[in-house]
Amino acid sequence: MKKIIYLLILLLVVVSGVVFANRKIKNETIKNTISKPLSVAERKAALKKWEATPDGIMYKKWEASEAGQKVHNSAIKISKSIKNYTNMEAVVTSLSLPAGARLGFGMMVRINSDDYILAFGPEKSGENMFNFNNGFEQLHTLKVNDKIIIRSHHISQAPKYSYPIIMGDYVERDNKTIYMREPSKDGC
């Protein structure tokens, strides 16, 4: 019986040592992978390097094309509102995204006679452990031609889409907030 107890204690010590050593290695790896931000010159060099890749060449061609210019000009029209996080009046034009879109839940909206993709990110199915769903339930009540107020911190453009992409941070209908993005928990 004593031998079994000693064997179990020895096994516990060995397993604890392996787990502790593995944890220490992971912590060191994480510390080593964190790097300081790139300088302006390094960012410019990285951009030049990327522009020489097939994806970069394709993007530059799209950017210079008529379709790319249309998307870029539409993005510029609302860039001041995006930068200042101010209200933008929009009308819902479609409750679905363009075919093949991989932006998660979203809809099409028109702001000042230009069309935009209003994306909210992936839609989580079901409910979480606190019995709340993902926050999109009131957005699902929107209908085509509904007038809404949008605020966003981010707009992007991609060759795959014929419209600028607005990340929905805040949506209001009839002076009632129907969606507000939760702040990031990691501070970024």
N, C-alpha and C. Protein backbone atom coordinates (compact mmCIF):
# COMPACT_ATOMS: atom_id res chain seq x y z
N MET A 1 0.82 -1.19 0.00
CA MET A 1 0.00 0.00 0.00
C MET A 1 0.87 1.27 0.00
N LYS A 2 1.99 1.23 0.79
CA LYS A 2 2.88 2.39 0.85
C LYS A 2 3.49 2.65 -0.52
N LYS A 3 3.82 1.58 -1.25
CA LYS A 3 4.43 1.75 -2.57
C LYS A 3 3.46 2.45 -3.52
N ILE A 4 2.20 2.13 -3.44
CA ILE A 4 1.21 2.76 -4.32
C ILE A 4 1.08 4.25 -3.99
N ILE A 5 1.07 4.57 -2.71
CA ILE A 5 0.97 5.98 -2.30
C ILE A 5 2.21 6.75 -2.76
N TYR A 6 3.41 6.17 -2.55
CA TYR A 6 4.63 6.83 -3.02
C TYR A 6 4.62 7.00 -4.54
N LEU A 7 4.13 5.99 -5.25
CA LEU A 7 4.06 6.05 -6.71
C LEU A 7 3.09 7.16 -7.15
N LEU A 8 1.97 7.29 -6.49
CA LEU A 8 1.00 8.34 -6.82
C LEU A 8 1.57 9.73 -6.53
N ILE A 9 2.29 9.87 -5.42
CA ILE A 9 2.90 11.16 -5.10
C ILE A 9 3.97 11.51 -6.12
N LEU A 10 4.79 10.53 -6.49
CA LEU A 10 5.83 10.75 -7.49
C LEU A 10 5.19 11.14 -8.83
N LEU A 11 4.13 10.46 -9.21
CA LEU A 11 3.43 10.78 -10.45
C LEU A 11 2.86 12.21 -10.40
N LEU A 12 2.29 12.60 -9.27
CA LEU A 12 1.76 13.94 -9.10
C LEU A 12 2.86 15.00 -9.22
N VAL A 13 4.01 14.74 -8.63
CA VAL A 13 5.13 15.68 -8.71
C VAL A 13 5.62 15.81 -10.15
N VAL A 14 5.73 14.70 -10.88
CA VAL A 14 6.20 14.73 -12.26
C VAL A 14 5.21 15.50 -13.14
N VAL A 15 3.93 15.20 -13.02
CA VAL A 15 2.92 15.87 -13.83
C VAL A 15 2.89 17.36 -13.51
N SER A 16 2.97 17.73 -12.24
CA SER A 16 2.99 19.14 -11.85
C SER A 16 4.20 19.85 -12.44
N GLY A 17 5.34 19.20 -12.43
CA GLY A 17 6.55 19.78 -13.00
C GLY A 17 6.41 20.02 -14.49
N VAL A 18 5.84 19.05 -15.20
CA VAL A 18 5.64 19.19 -16.64
C VAL A 18 4.68 20.32 -16.95
N VAL A 19 3.59 20.38 -16.21
CA VAL A 19 2.60 21.45 -16.42
C VAL A 19 3.22 22.81 -16.14
N PHE A 20 3.94 22.94 -15.05
CA PHE A 20 4.58 24.21 -14.70
C PHE A 20 5.61 24.61 -15.74
N ALA A 21 6.41 23.66 -16.18
CA ALA A 21 7.44 23.97 -17.19
C ALA A 21 6.78 24.41 -18.49
N ASN A 22 5.71 23.74 -18.88
CA ASN A 22 5.01 24.09 -20.11
C ASN A 22 4.40 25.49 -20.00
N ARG A 23 3.86 25.83 -18.87
CA ARG A 23 3.29 27.16 -18.65
C ARG A 23 4.37 28.22 -18.75
N LYS A 24 5.53 27.96 -18.19
CA LYS A 24 6.62 28.93 -18.23
C LYS A 24 7.09 29.14 -19.67
N ILE A 25 7.17 28.08 -20.45
CA ILE A 25 7.58 28.20 -21.85
C ILE A 25 6.56 29.02 -22.63
N LYS A 26 5.25 28.79 -22.41
CA LYS A 26 4.22 29.55 -23.11
C LYS A 26 4.29 31.02 -22.74
N ASN A 27 4.50 31.35 -21.47
CA ASN A 27 4.61 32.75 -21.05
C ASN A 27 5.79 33.43 -21.70
N GLU A 28 6.93 32.75 -21.78
CA GLU A 28 8.11 33.33 -22.41
C GLU A 28 7.86 33.54 -23.89
N THR A 29 7.18 32.60 -24.55
CA THR A 29 6.87 32.74 -25.97
C THR A 29 5.99 33.95 -26.21
N ILE A 30 4.98 34.15 -25.38
CA ILE A 30 4.09 35.29 -25.53
C ILE A 30 4.85 36.59 -25.35
N LYS A 31 5.72 36.66 -24.36
CA LYS A 31 6.49 37.88 -24.13
C LYS A 31 7.40 38.18 -25.31
N ASN A 32 7.97 37.14 -25.91
CA ASN A 32 8.88 37.34 -27.02
C ASN A 32 8.16 37.74 -28.30
N THR A 33 6.88 37.36 -28.47
CA THR A 33 6.17 37.67 -29.71
C THR A 33 5.60 39.07 -29.73
N ILE A 34 5.47 39.72 -28.59
CA ILE A 34 4.96 41.08 -28.55
C ILE A 34 6.04 42.00 -29.08
N SER A 35 5.68 42.75 -30.13
CA SER A 35 6.68 43.64 -30.73
C SER A 35 6.21 45.08 -30.65
N LYS A 36 7.15 45.97 -30.79
CA LYS A 36 6.81 47.38 -30.75
C LYS A 36 6.23 47.79 -32.11
N PRO A 37 5.45 48.86 -32.14
CA PRO A 37 4.84 49.31 -33.39
C PRO A 37 5.89 49.69 -34.41
N LEU A 38 5.53 49.52 -35.68
CA LEU A 38 6.45 49.86 -36.76
C LEU A 38 6.54 51.38 -36.91
N SER A 39 7.71 51.83 -37.29
CA SER A 39 7.89 53.25 -37.54
C SER A 39 7.25 53.59 -38.89
N VAL A 40 7.13 54.87 -39.19
CA VAL A 40 6.53 55.31 -40.45
C VAL A 40 7.31 54.75 -41.63
N ALA A 41 8.63 54.79 -41.56
CA ALA A 41 9.46 54.29 -42.65
C ALA A 41 9.27 52.78 -42.83
N GLU A 42 9.17 52.05 -41.72
CA GLU A 42 8.96 50.61 -41.80
C GLU A 42 7.59 50.28 -42.39
N ARG A 43 6.57 51.07 -42.02
CA ARG A 43 5.24 50.86 -42.59
C ARG A 43 5.23 51.13 -44.09
N LYS A 44 5.91 52.19 -44.51
CA LYS A 44 5.97 52.50 -45.94
C LYS A 44 6.70 51.40 -46.70
N ALA A 45 7.77 50.88 -46.12
CA ALA A 45 8.51 49.80 -46.76
C ALA A 45 7.66 48.53 -46.86
N ALA A 46 6.92 48.24 -45.81
CA ALA A 46 6.04 47.06 -45.82
C ALA A 46 4.93 47.23 -46.86
N LEU A 47 4.38 48.45 -46.98
CA LEU A 47 3.35 48.71 -47.98
C LEU A 47 3.90 48.54 -49.39
N LYS A 48 5.09 49.07 -49.64
CA LYS A 48 5.73 48.92 -50.96
C LYS A 48 5.94 47.45 -51.28
N LYS A 49 6.38 46.69 -50.28
CA LYS A 49 6.61 45.26 -50.48
C LYS A 49 5.30 44.55 -50.81
N TRP A 50 4.21 44.91 -50.09
CA TRP A 50 2.91 44.29 -50.34
C TRP A 50 2.38 44.67 -51.71
N GLU A 51 2.58 45.92 -52.13
CA GLU A 51 2.09 46.37 -53.42
C GLU A 51 2.74 45.62 -54.58
N ALA A 52 3.90 45.02 -54.35
CA ALA A 52 4.57 44.23 -55.38
C ALA A 52 4.04 42.80 -55.47
N THR A 53 3.24 42.38 -54.48
CA THR A 53 2.67 41.03 -54.50
C THR A 53 1.48 41.00 -55.46
N PRO A 54 1.06 39.80 -55.89
CA PRO A 54 -0.11 39.71 -56.79
C PRO A 54 -1.37 40.35 -56.19
N ASP A 55 -1.59 40.17 -54.89
CA ASP A 55 -2.76 40.80 -54.24
C ASP A 55 -2.64 42.33 -54.28
N GLY A 56 -1.45 42.83 -54.04
CA GLY A 56 -1.23 44.28 -54.07
C GLY A 56 -1.43 44.86 -55.45
N ILE A 57 -0.94 44.16 -56.45
CA ILE A 57 -1.11 44.61 -57.85
C ILE A 57 -2.58 44.63 -58.21
N MET A 58 -3.30 43.56 -57.83
CA MET A 58 -4.73 43.49 -58.12
C MET A 58 -5.48 44.64 -57.43
N TYR A 59 -5.13 44.92 -56.17
CA TYR A 59 -5.79 46.00 -55.43
C TYR A 59 -5.52 47.34 -56.09
N LYS A 60 -4.29 47.61 -56.49
CA LYS A 60 -3.96 48.89 -57.12
C LYS A 60 -4.73 49.06 -58.43
N LYS A 61 -4.88 47.96 -59.21
CA LYS A 61 -5.65 48.05 -60.45
C LYS A 61 -7.11 48.35 -60.14
N TRP A 62 -7.67 47.68 -59.12
CA TRP A 62 -9.06 47.93 -58.74
C TRP A 62 -9.24 49.36 -58.25
N GLU A 63 -8.28 49.83 -57.46
CA GLU A 63 -8.35 51.18 -56.91
C GLU A 63 -8.37 52.23 -58.02
N ALA A 64 -7.65 51.97 -59.11
CA ALA A 64 -7.59 52.92 -60.23
C ALA A 64 -8.77 52.77 -61.18
N SER A 65 -9.50 51.66 -61.08
CA SER A 65 -10.63 51.42 -61.98
C SER A 65 -11.80 52.33 -61.64
N GLU A 66 -12.78 52.37 -62.55
CA GLU A 66 -13.97 53.19 -62.33
C GLU A 66 -14.75 52.71 -61.09
N ALA A 67 -14.87 51.40 -60.93
CA ALA A 67 -15.57 50.85 -59.77
C ALA A 67 -14.84 51.20 -58.47
N GLY A 68 -13.54 51.09 -58.47
CA GLY A 68 -12.75 51.44 -57.28
C GLY A 68 -12.85 52.91 -56.94
N GLN A 69 -12.85 53.76 -57.96
CA GLN A 69 -12.98 55.20 -57.73
C GLN A 69 -14.35 55.56 -57.17
N LYS A 70 -15.39 54.86 -57.66
CA LYS A 70 -16.75 55.10 -57.15
C LYS A 70 -16.83 54.74 -55.66
N VAL A 71 -16.27 53.60 -55.29
CA VAL A 71 -16.28 53.17 -53.89
C VAL A 71 -15.47 54.15 -53.05
N HIS A 72 -14.31 54.54 -53.53
CA HIS A 72 -13.45 55.47 -52.80
C HIS A 72 -14.13 56.82 -52.59
N ASN A 73 -14.78 57.34 -53.63
CA ASN A 73 -15.46 58.63 -53.52
C ASN A 73 -16.63 58.56 -52.54
N SER A 74 -17.35 57.45 -52.54
CA SER A 74 -18.45 57.28 -51.58
C SER A 74 -17.91 57.25 -50.15
N ALA A 75 -16.78 56.60 -49.95
CA ALA A 75 -16.18 56.53 -48.62
C ALA A 75 -15.72 57.92 -48.16
N ILE A 76 -15.18 58.70 -49.08
CA ILE A 76 -14.72 60.05 -48.73
C ILE A 76 -15.88 60.94 -48.30
N LYS A 77 -17.06 60.75 -48.93
CA LYS A 77 -18.22 61.60 -48.61
C LYS A 77 -18.62 61.52 -47.14
N ILE A 78 -18.42 60.36 -46.51
CA ILE A 78 -18.84 60.23 -45.11
C ILE A 78 -17.65 60.12 -44.15
N SER A 79 -16.45 60.30 -44.66
CA SER A 79 -15.26 60.12 -43.81
C SER A 79 -15.22 61.12 -42.65
N LYS A 80 -15.73 62.33 -42.84
CA LYS A 80 -15.74 63.31 -41.75
C LYS A 80 -16.67 62.84 -40.63
N SER A 81 -17.83 62.31 -40.98
CA SER A 81 -18.76 61.79 -39.96
C SER A 81 -18.16 60.59 -39.25
N ILE A 82 -17.43 59.75 -39.97
CA ILE A 82 -16.78 58.58 -39.37
C ILE A 82 -15.70 59.06 -38.40
N LYS A 83 -14.88 59.98 -38.86
CA LYS A 83 -13.77 60.48 -38.03
C LYS A 83 -14.29 61.13 -36.74
N ASN A 84 -15.36 61.91 -36.85
CA ASN A 84 -15.91 62.63 -35.70
C ASN A 84 -16.97 61.84 -34.94
N TYR A 85 -17.30 60.65 -35.42
CA TYR A 85 -18.31 59.79 -34.80
C TYR A 85 -19.63 60.55 -34.62
N THR A 86 -20.09 61.16 -35.70
CA THR A 86 -21.33 61.93 -35.67
C THR A 86 -22.44 61.15 -36.37
N ASN A 87 -23.68 61.60 -36.16
CA ASN A 87 -24.84 60.93 -36.73
C ASN A 87 -24.86 61.04 -38.25
N MET A 88 -25.25 59.94 -38.89
CA MET A 88 -25.48 59.92 -40.33
C MET A 88 -26.88 59.37 -40.55
N GLU A 89 -27.70 60.11 -41.29
CA GLU A 89 -29.05 59.64 -41.60
C GLU A 89 -28.97 58.66 -42.76
N ALA A 90 -29.62 57.52 -42.60
CA ALA A 90 -29.57 56.48 -43.62
C ALA A 90 -30.97 55.90 -43.83
N VAL A 91 -31.16 55.29 -44.99
CA VAL A 91 -32.38 54.58 -45.31
C VAL A 91 -32.00 53.15 -45.65
N VAL A 92 -32.67 52.19 -45.05
CA VAL A 92 -32.40 50.78 -45.32
C VAL A 92 -32.90 50.46 -46.73
N THR A 93 -32.01 49.94 -47.58
CA THR A 93 -32.40 49.60 -48.95
C THR A 93 -32.51 48.11 -49.17
N SER A 94 -31.85 47.32 -48.35
CA SER A 94 -31.94 45.86 -48.45
C SER A 94 -31.59 45.26 -47.10
N LEU A 95 -32.28 44.20 -46.74
CA LEU A 95 -32.03 43.54 -45.46
C LEU A 95 -30.99 42.44 -45.56
N SER A 96 -30.39 42.31 -46.73
CA SER A 96 -29.34 41.30 -46.90
C SER A 96 -28.13 41.95 -47.55
N LEU A 97 -27.00 41.28 -47.41
CA LEU A 97 -25.76 41.77 -48.01
C LEU A 97 -25.64 41.25 -49.44
N PRO A 98 -24.75 41.82 -50.23
CA PRO A 98 -24.55 41.33 -51.60
C PRO A 98 -24.18 39.84 -51.59
N ALA A 99 -24.52 39.15 -52.66
CA ALA A 99 -24.23 37.71 -52.77
C ALA A 99 -22.75 37.45 -52.56
N GLY A 100 -22.45 36.43 -51.78
CA GLY A 100 -21.07 36.04 -51.52
C GLY A 100 -20.38 36.83 -50.43
N ALA A 101 -21.08 37.74 -49.79
CA ALA A 101 -20.48 38.56 -48.74
C ALA A 101 -20.15 37.69 -47.53
N ARG A 102 -19.00 37.96 -46.93
CA ARG A 102 -18.55 37.23 -45.74
C ARG A 102 -18.30 38.21 -44.60
N LEU A 103 -19.27 39.05 -44.37
CA LEU A 103 -19.11 40.09 -43.35
C LEU A 103 -19.96 39.82 -42.12
N GLY A 104 -20.63 38.70 -42.07
CA GLY A 104 -21.51 38.41 -40.95
C GLY A 104 -22.87 39.03 -41.19
N PHE A 105 -23.51 39.49 -40.12
CA PHE A 105 -24.83 40.10 -40.23
C PHE A 105 -24.68 41.53 -40.72
N GLY A 106 -25.55 41.94 -41.61
CA GLY A 106 -25.52 43.29 -42.11
C GLY A 106 -26.66 43.58 -43.05
N MET A 107 -26.66 44.78 -43.60
CA MET A 107 -27.71 45.21 -44.51
C MET A 107 -27.15 46.31 -45.41
N MET A 108 -27.91 46.65 -46.41
CA MET A 108 -27.54 47.74 -47.31
C MET A 108 -28.30 48.99 -46.90
N VAL A 109 -27.60 50.14 -46.91
CA VAL A 109 -28.23 51.41 -46.57
C VAL A 109 -27.82 52.47 -47.60
N ARG A 110 -28.63 53.52 -47.68
CA ARG A 110 -28.31 54.64 -48.56
C ARG A 110 -28.13 55.89 -47.70
N ILE A 111 -27.00 56.55 -47.88
CA ILE A 111 -26.69 57.79 -47.19
C ILE A 111 -26.37 58.84 -48.25
N ASN A 112 -27.14 59.91 -48.29
CA ASN A 112 -26.91 60.99 -49.26
C ASN A 112 -26.76 60.46 -50.69
N SER A 113 -27.65 59.64 -51.13
CA SER A 113 -27.76 59.08 -52.48
C SER A 113 -26.64 58.08 -52.85
N ASP A 114 -25.83 57.65 -51.90
CA ASP A 114 -24.83 56.61 -52.14
C ASP A 114 -25.17 55.39 -51.31
N ASP A 115 -24.93 54.21 -51.88
CA ASP A 115 -25.20 52.96 -51.17
C ASP A 115 -23.97 52.48 -50.41
N TYR A 116 -24.22 51.88 -49.24
CA TYR A 116 -23.16 51.38 -48.37
C TYR A 116 -23.59 50.05 -47.79
N ILE A 117 -22.58 49.23 -47.46
CA ILE A 117 -22.82 48.01 -46.69
C ILE A 117 -22.69 48.39 -45.23
N LEU A 118 -23.71 48.09 -44.44
CA LEU A 118 -23.65 48.32 -43.00
C LEU A 118 -23.48 46.95 -42.35
N ALA A 119 -22.28 46.67 -41.86
CA ALA A 119 -21.94 45.35 -41.33
C ALA A 119 -21.80 45.43 -39.81
N PHE A 120 -22.25 44.36 -39.15
CA PHE A 120 -22.19 44.30 -37.69
C PHE A 120 -21.29 43.19 -37.18
N GLY A 121 -20.83 42.32 -38.06
CA GLY A 121 -19.97 41.22 -37.64
C GLY A 121 -20.73 39.91 -37.55
N PRO A 122 -20.05 38.88 -37.07
CA PRO A 122 -20.67 37.55 -37.03
C PRO A 122 -21.86 37.51 -36.08
N GLU A 123 -22.87 36.81 -36.53
CA GLU A 123 -24.07 36.65 -35.71
C GLU A 123 -23.95 35.34 -34.96
N LYS A 124 -23.96 35.43 -33.65
CA LYS A 124 -23.83 34.24 -32.81
C LYS A 124 -25.19 33.57 -32.71
N SER A 125 -25.21 32.27 -32.87
CA SER A 125 -26.49 31.57 -32.78
C SER A 125 -26.81 31.25 -31.34
N GLY A 126 -28.09 31.21 -31.05
CA GLY A 126 -28.53 30.83 -29.71
C GLY A 126 -28.32 31.93 -28.70
N GLU A 127 -28.28 31.52 -27.46
CA GLU A 127 -28.16 32.46 -26.36
C GLU A 127 -26.96 32.08 -25.51
N ASN A 128 -26.42 33.04 -24.79
CA ASN A 128 -25.27 32.73 -23.94
C ASN A 128 -25.75 32.27 -22.57
N MET A 129 -24.83 32.04 -21.67
CA MET A 129 -25.16 31.46 -20.37
C MET A 129 -26.01 32.38 -19.50
N PHE A 130 -26.06 33.67 -19.78
CA PHE A 130 -26.87 34.59 -19.00
C PHE A 130 -28.25 34.81 -19.62
N ASN A 131 -28.57 34.01 -20.64
CA ASN A 131 -29.86 34.04 -21.29
C ASN A 131 -30.09 35.33 -22.08
N PHE A 132 -29.02 35.90 -22.60
CA PHE A 132 -29.13 37.05 -23.49
C PHE A 132 -28.70 36.58 -24.87
N ASN A 133 -29.33 37.13 -25.92
CA ASN A 133 -28.83 36.77 -27.24
C ASN A 133 -27.83 37.81 -27.71
N ASN A 134 -27.46 37.81 -28.97
CA ASN A 134 -26.31 38.54 -29.45
C ASN A 134 -26.51 40.05 -29.64
N GLY A 135 -27.67 40.61 -29.37
CA GLY A 135 -27.87 42.04 -29.50
C GLY A 135 -28.39 42.48 -30.85
N PHE A 136 -28.57 41.57 -31.79
CA PHE A 136 -29.06 41.93 -33.12
C PHE A 136 -30.57 41.81 -33.23
N GLU A 137 -31.27 41.38 -32.17
CA GLU A 137 -32.71 41.12 -32.28
C GLU A 137 -33.48 42.35 -32.73
N GLN A 138 -33.14 43.54 -32.26
CA GLN A 138 -33.86 44.74 -32.69
C GLN A 138 -33.50 45.14 -34.11
N LEU A 139 -32.28 44.81 -34.55
CA LEU A 139 -31.90 45.08 -35.94
C LEU A 139 -32.72 44.23 -36.90
N HIS A 140 -33.09 43.04 -36.45
CA HIS A 140 -33.90 42.16 -37.29
C HIS A 140 -35.31 42.71 -37.49
N THR A 141 -35.73 43.69 -36.71
CA THR A 141 -37.07 44.27 -36.87
C THR A 141 -37.09 45.36 -37.94
N LEU A 142 -35.92 45.77 -38.42
CA LEU A 142 -35.87 46.80 -39.46
C LEU A 142 -36.50 46.29 -40.76
N LYS A 143 -37.06 47.23 -41.51
CA LYS A 143 -37.67 46.91 -42.79
C LYS A 143 -37.06 47.82 -43.85
N VAL A 144 -37.21 47.43 -45.10
CA VAL A 144 -36.74 48.25 -46.21
C VAL A 144 -37.46 49.60 -46.14
N ASN A 145 -36.74 50.67 -46.40
CA ASN A 145 -37.19 52.06 -46.37
C ASN A 145 -37.30 52.63 -44.96
N ASP A 146 -36.90 51.90 -43.93
CA ASP A 146 -36.85 52.47 -42.58
C ASP A 146 -35.73 53.51 -42.54
N LYS A 147 -36.00 54.63 -41.87
CA LYS A 147 -34.98 55.67 -41.70
C LYS A 147 -34.30 55.43 -40.36
N ILE A 148 -32.97 55.41 -40.40
CA ILE A 148 -32.19 55.15 -39.19
C ILE A 148 -31.06 56.17 -39.07
N ILE A 149 -30.53 56.27 -37.87
CA ILE A 149 -29.34 57.09 -37.61
C ILE A 149 -28.20 56.12 -37.30
N ILE A 150 -27.07 56.34 -37.95
CA ILE A 150 -25.91 55.45 -37.78
C ILE A 150 -24.74 56.28 -37.26
N ARG A 151 -23.95 55.65 -36.38
CA ARG A 151 -22.64 56.19 -36.01
C ARG A 151 -21.64 55.06 -36.14
N SER A 152 -20.45 55.41 -36.60
CA SER A 152 -19.42 54.39 -36.78
C SER A 152 -18.04 55.01 -36.61
N HIS A 153 -17.11 54.14 -36.22
CA HIS A 153 -15.71 54.57 -36.10
C HIS A 153 -14.88 54.08 -37.29
N HIS A 154 -15.47 53.25 -38.16
CA HIS A 154 -14.64 52.60 -39.17
C HIS A 154 -15.40 52.43 -40.49
N ILE A 155 -14.71 52.74 -41.57
CA ILE A 155 -15.21 52.46 -42.92
C ILE A 155 -14.06 51.83 -43.69
N SER A 156 -14.40 50.85 -44.52
CA SER A 156 -13.36 50.18 -45.31
C SER A 156 -13.88 49.94 -46.72
N GLN A 157 -12.97 49.49 -47.56
CA GLN A 157 -13.32 49.17 -48.94
C GLN A 157 -12.50 47.98 -49.38
N ALA A 158 -13.08 47.18 -50.26
CA ALA A 158 -12.41 45.98 -50.73
C ALA A 158 -12.84 45.71 -52.17
N PRO A 159 -11.92 45.19 -52.99
CA PRO A 159 -12.26 44.92 -54.39
C PRO A 159 -13.43 43.95 -54.56
N LYS A 160 -13.67 43.11 -53.58
CA LYS A 160 -14.75 42.13 -53.66
C LYS A 160 -16.12 42.79 -53.64
N TYR A 161 -16.22 43.97 -53.06
CA TYR A 161 -17.52 44.64 -52.86
C TYR A 161 -17.59 45.92 -53.66
N SER A 162 -18.77 46.20 -54.20
CA SER A 162 -18.99 47.41 -55.01
C SER A 162 -19.42 48.60 -54.16
N TYR A 163 -19.35 48.45 -52.85
CA TYR A 163 -19.79 49.49 -51.93
C TYR A 163 -18.80 49.60 -50.78
N PRO A 164 -18.66 50.80 -50.20
CA PRO A 164 -17.86 50.91 -48.97
C PRO A 164 -18.54 50.15 -47.84
N ILE A 165 -17.77 49.69 -46.88
CA ILE A 165 -18.28 48.89 -45.77
C ILE A 165 -18.19 49.73 -44.50
N ILE A 166 -19.34 50.01 -43.90
CA ILE A 166 -19.40 50.74 -42.64
C ILE A 166 -19.59 49.72 -41.53
N MET A 167 -18.74 49.75 -40.52
CA MET A 167 -18.94 48.89 -39.36
C MET A 167 -19.93 49.56 -38.43
N GLY A 168 -21.05 48.91 -38.20
CA GLY A 168 -22.11 49.49 -37.39
C GLY A 168 -21.74 49.49 -35.91
N ASP A 169 -21.56 50.66 -35.34
CA ASP A 169 -21.27 50.80 -33.91
C ASP A 169 -22.51 51.24 -33.13
N TYR A 170 -23.39 52.00 -33.81
CA TYR A 170 -24.58 52.54 -33.14
C TYR A 170 -25.66 52.73 -34.18
N VAL A 171 -26.87 52.27 -33.86
CA VAL A 171 -28.02 52.45 -34.75
C VAL A 171 -29.20 52.92 -33.92
N GLU A 172 -29.90 53.91 -34.45
CA GLU A 172 -31.05 54.48 -33.77
C GLU A 172 -32.20 54.57 -34.77
N ARG A 173 -33.41 54.27 -34.30
CA ARG A 173 -34.62 54.43 -35.13
C ARG A 173 -35.67 55.11 -34.27
N ASP A 174 -36.31 56.13 -34.79
CA ASP A 174 -37.36 56.86 -34.07
C ASP A 174 -36.88 57.32 -32.70
N ASN A 175 -35.69 57.87 -32.63
CA ASN A 175 -35.08 58.39 -31.40
C ASN A 175 -34.88 57.33 -30.32
N LYS A 176 -34.84 56.07 -30.71
CA LYS A 176 -34.58 54.97 -29.76
C LYS A 176 -33.38 54.17 -30.25
N THR A 177 -32.46 53.94 -29.35
CA THR A 177 -31.28 53.14 -29.70
C THR A 177 -31.72 51.70 -29.89
N ILE A 178 -31.41 51.15 -31.07
CA ILE A 178 -31.75 49.74 -31.30
C ILE A 178 -30.51 48.86 -31.35
N TYR A 179 -29.33 49.47 -31.45
CA TYR A 179 -28.09 48.69 -31.41
C TYR A 179 -26.95 49.58 -30.98
N MET A 180 -26.11 49.06 -30.08
CA MET A 180 -24.88 49.74 -29.70
C MET A 180 -23.83 48.66 -29.48
N ARG A 181 -22.73 48.77 -30.21
CA ARG A 181 -21.66 47.78 -30.08
C ARG A 181 -21.05 47.88 -28.70
N GLU A 182 -20.84 46.72 -28.09
CA GLU A 182 -20.20 46.68 -26.78
C GLU A 182 -18.72 47.05 -26.94
N PRO A 183 -18.18 47.84 -26.03
CA PRO A 183 -16.76 48.18 -26.10
C PRO A 183 -15.91 46.92 -25.96
N SER A 184 -14.78 46.93 -26.60
CA SER A 184 -13.87 45.80 -26.53
C SER A 184 -13.38 45.60 -25.11
N LYS A 185 -13.32 44.35 -24.67
CA LYS A 185 -12.91 44.06 -23.30
C LYS A 185 -11.40 44.14 -23.12
N ASP A 186 -10.63 44.02 -24.21
CA ASP A 186 -9.17 44.05 -24.08
C ASP A 186 -8.59 45.44 -24.27
N GLY A 187 -9.42 46.44 -24.44
CA GLY A 187 -8.94 47.82 -24.53
C GLY A 187 -8.46 48.23 -25.89
N CYS A 188 -8.60 47.39 -26.89
CA CYS A 188 -8.15 47.73 -28.24
C CYS A 188 -9.32 48.03 -29.14
